[in-house]
């Protein structure tokens, strides 16, 4: 680990946060009826799988799981040049479902806006709720998470890195310039 990096969540902390988020999702939605998980590629899809496993352990029900790629919905494509386009895989109808949209880090809100645009193009959910492992502030759009693992105030120059091992989050680092 470099001197300017700090681990803000280790594996045990991530597990506690995801377990708490799972219970909050189940409590707010009164169980799993009509509930689906959609992870944003590339960090949110891993976390959505983790949440799905926890829901199955608690409720004994395997809820639908999908992934959404937001590349073509980004509002900064012109300034970023060409980006690789991933695959959106939502093998179930979104109409009238309670969608839990999952991302690893919430920052400006622009990724979430792009993901919501993509979901609305696919179907008309009953609701879209947002779950994120880390909320670092600095919103540019009026978006807030319904479920947060940890709030980490940062400067704009700092970054948050979620490190995965075998598709499982193992640590979250705050990287200072």
Protein backbone atom coordinates (compact mmCIF):
# COMPACT_ATOMS: atom_id res chain seq x y z
CA UNK A 1 0.00 0.00 0.00
CA UNK A 2 1.36 3.40 -0.97
CA UNK A 3 1.88 6.05 1.69
CA UNK A 4 -0.98 8.22 0.35
CA UNK A 5 -3.58 5.44 0.54
CA UNK A 6 -5.74 4.57 3.52
CA UNK A 7 -7.90 1.47 3.85
CA UNK A 8 -11.30 2.75 4.94
CA UNK A 9 -13.13 -0.60 4.75
CA UNK A 10 -11.48 -3.99 5.03
CA UNK A 11 -13.11 -7.29 4.08
CA UNK A 12 -14.85 -7.65 7.46
CA UNK A 13 -16.12 -4.05 7.29
CA UNK A 14 -17.44 -4.57 3.78
CA UNK A 15 -19.22 -7.75 4.87
CA UNK A 16 -20.86 -5.94 7.79
CA UNK A 17 -21.92 -3.06 5.54
CA UNK A 18 -23.41 -5.38 2.90
CA UNK A 19 -25.24 -7.42 5.54
CA UNK A 20 -26.71 -4.22 7.02
CA UNK A 21 -27.71 -2.93 3.56
CA UNK A 22 -29.39 -6.30 2.84
CA UNK A 23 -31.47 -6.10 6.02
CA UNK A 24 -32.42 -2.48 5.26
CA UNK A 25 -33.54 -3.43 1.74
CA UNK A 26 -35.66 -6.31 3.03
CA UNK A 27 -37.18 -4.22 5.82
CA UNK A 28 -38.04 -1.23 3.61
CA UNK A 29 -39.55 -3.45 0.90
CA UNK A 30 -41.29 -5.83 3.34
CA UNK A 31 -39.51 -8.87 1.91
CA UNK A 32 -38.61 -9.84 -1.64
CA UNK A 33 -41.90 -9.58 -3.52
CA UNK A 34 -41.38 -7.66 -6.77
CA UNK A 35 -37.74 -6.98 -5.89
CA UNK A 36 -34.93 -7.15 -8.48
CA UNK A 37 -31.25 -6.22 -8.29
CA UNK A 38 -29.43 -4.43 -11.10
CA UNK A 39 -25.70 -3.74 -10.73
CA UNK A 40 -23.88 -1.07 -12.71
CA UNK A 41 -20.85 -2.47 -14.52
CA UNK A 42 -18.09 -2.84 -13.30
CA UNK A 43 -18.20 -2.49 -9.53
CA UNK A 44 -21.92 -2.47 -8.89
CA UNK A 45 -22.52 -5.80 -10.60
CA UNK A 46 -20.16 -7.55 -8.16
CA UNK A 47 -21.86 -5.93 -5.18
CA UNK A 48 -25.32 -6.82 -6.53
CA UNK A 49 -24.28 -10.49 -6.62
CA UNK A 50 -23.12 -10.23 -3.00
CA UNK A 51 -26.44 -8.66 -1.97
CA UNK A 52 -28.37 -11.35 -3.85
CA UNK A 53 -26.50 -14.10 -1.97
CA UNK A 54 -27.24 -12.44 1.37
CA UNK A 55 -30.93 -12.03 0.50
CA UNK A 56 -31.08 -15.73 -0.45
CA UNK A 57 -29.44 -16.68 2.87
CA UNK A 58 -31.90 -14.59 4.90
CA UNK A 59 -35.15 -15.08 2.95
CA UNK A 60 -34.53 -18.38 1.16
CA UNK A 61 -35.48 -16.68 -2.13
CA UNK A 62 -33.24 -16.00 -5.11
CA UNK A 63 -34.33 -12.68 -6.59
CA UNK A 64 -33.65 -11.70 -10.22
CA UNK A 65 -30.24 -10.19 -10.93
CA UNK A 66 -29.16 -8.07 -13.87
CA UNK A 67 -26.37 -5.76 -14.96
CA UNK A 68 -26.51 -2.49 -16.82
CA UNK A 69 -23.76 -0.89 -18.89
CA UNK A 70 -24.07 2.89 -18.98
CA UNK A 71 -21.38 3.73 -21.54
CA UNK A 72 -23.75 5.03 -24.20
CA UNK A 73 -25.76 7.00 -21.62
CA UNK A 74 -22.80 8.98 -20.26
CA UNK A 75 -22.92 12.75 -20.65
CA UNK A 76 -19.13 13.03 -21.02
CA UNK A 77 -18.53 10.76 -24.03
CA UNK A 78 -17.31 13.69 -26.12
CA UNK A 79 -14.58 14.60 -23.66
CA UNK A 80 -13.53 11.00 -22.89
CA UNK A 81 -13.07 9.69 -26.39
CA UNK A 82 -14.02 6.13 -27.19
CA UNK A 83 -14.84 3.86 -24.28
CA UNK A 84 -15.34 0.11 -24.45
CA UNK A 85 -19.01 -0.77 -24.50
CA UNK A 86 -20.04 -3.53 -22.11
CA UNK A 87 -23.12 -5.67 -22.12
CA UNK A 88 -26.39 -4.87 -20.43
CA UNK A 89 -27.92 -8.12 -19.23
CA UNK A 90 -31.35 -7.81 -17.66
CA UNK A 91 -33.07 -11.15 -18.39
CA UNK A 92 -36.39 -10.20 -16.78
CA UNK A 93 -39.01 -7.49 -17.33
CA UNK A 94 -38.54 -4.30 -15.32
CA UNK A 95 -42.17 -3.22 -15.59
CA UNK A 96 -43.77 -2.77 -12.16
CA UNK A 97 -40.68 -4.10 -10.34
CA UNK A 98 -38.91 -2.53 -7.38
CA UNK A 99 -35.40 -2.12 -8.79
CA UNK A 100 -32.47 -1.93 -6.41
CA UNK A 101 -29.78 -0.21 -8.48
CA UNK A 102 -26.33 -1.04 -7.09
CA UNK A 103 -23.04 0.83 -7.54
CA UNK A 104 -19.78 0.71 -5.61
CA UNK A 105 -19.07 4.45 -5.20
CA UNK A 106 -21.49 7.37 -5.40
CA UNK A 107 -19.76 10.63 -6.33
CA UNK A 108 -21.31 13.25 -8.64
CA UNK A 109 -24.50 11.28 -9.39
CA UNK A 110 -23.89 11.29 -13.14
CA UNK A 111 -23.33 7.53 -13.36
CA UNK A 112 -26.58 6.92 -11.51
CA UNK A 113 -28.47 9.30 -13.81
CA UNK A 114 -27.09 7.43 -16.82
CA UNK A 115 -28.08 4.08 -15.28
CA UNK A 116 -31.61 5.30 -14.58
CA UNK A 117 -31.92 6.51 -18.20
CA UNK A 118 -30.82 3.05 -19.39
CA UNK A 119 -33.32 1.30 -17.09
CA UNK A 120 -36.19 3.52 -18.22
CA UNK A 121 -35.35 2.68 -21.85
CA UNK A 122 -35.78 -1.01 -20.97
CA UNK A 123 -38.99 -0.84 -18.95
CA UNK A 124 -41.08 1.07 -16.43
CA UNK A 125 -40.14 0.03 -12.89
CA UNK A 126 -42.50 0.67 -9.99
CA UNK A 127 -39.55 2.29 -8.22
CA UNK A 128 -35.77 2.59 -8.40
CA UNK A 129 -33.85 2.54 -5.13
CA UNK A 130 -30.11 3.09 -4.91
CA UNK A 131 -27.64 1.04 -2.88
CA UNK A 132 -23.97 2.02 -2.75
CA UNK A 133 -21.02 0.79 -0.76
CA UNK A 134 -19.42 4.25 -0.43
CA UNK A 135 -20.96 7.72 -0.70
CA UNK A 136 -18.19 10.30 -1.05
CA UNK A 137 -20.31 13.42 -1.56
CA UNK A 138 -19.78 16.11 -4.24
CA UNK A 139 -23.13 15.64 -5.95
CA UNK A 140 -23.70 17.53 -9.19
CA UNK A 141 -27.22 16.16 -9.63
CA UNK A 142 -30.06 15.77 -7.10
CA UNK A 143 -29.41 12.10 -6.40
CA UNK A 144 -29.04 10.36 -3.05
CA UNK A 145 -28.59 6.76 -2.04
CA UNK A 146 -31.31 4.89 -0.17
CA UNK A 147 -28.78 2.42 1.26
CA UNK A 148 -25.17 3.37 2.06
CA UNK A 149 -22.40 1.19 3.40
CA UNK A 150 -20.24 4.10 4.49
CA UNK A 151 -20.17 7.86 4.01
CA UNK A 152 -16.62 9.05 3.31
CA UNK A 153 -16.23 12.81 2.90
CA UNK A 154 -13.48 13.45 0.34
CA UNK A 155 -11.95 16.28 -1.57
CA UNK A 156 -12.48 16.32 -5.33
CA UNK A 157 -8.81 15.47 -5.84
CA UNK A 158 -9.02 12.31 -3.73
CA UNK A 159 -10.42 9.08 -5.09
CA UNK A 160 -12.00 5.92 -3.73
CA UNK A 161 -10.88 2.52 -4.99
CA UNK A 162 -12.87 -0.64 -4.34
CA UNK A 163 -10.60 -3.65 -4.77
CA UNK A 164 -12.10 -6.98 -5.75
CA UNK A 165 -10.65 -10.48 -5.44
CA UNK A 166 -12.52 -13.21 -7.32
CA UNK A 167 -15.40 -10.75 -7.85
CA UNK A 168 -15.72 -10.23 -4.09
CA UNK A 169 -14.93 -6.83 -2.58
CA UNK A 170 -11.99 -7.14 -0.21
CA UNK A 171 -11.14 -3.53 0.63
CA UNK A 172 -11.98 0.08 -0.03
CA UNK A 173 -9.12 2.61 -0.15
CA UNK A 174 -9.05 6.38 0.01
CA UNK A 175 -6.31 7.62 -2.32
CA UNK A 176 -4.92 11.11 -1.71
CA UNK A 177 -3.02 13.03 -4.40
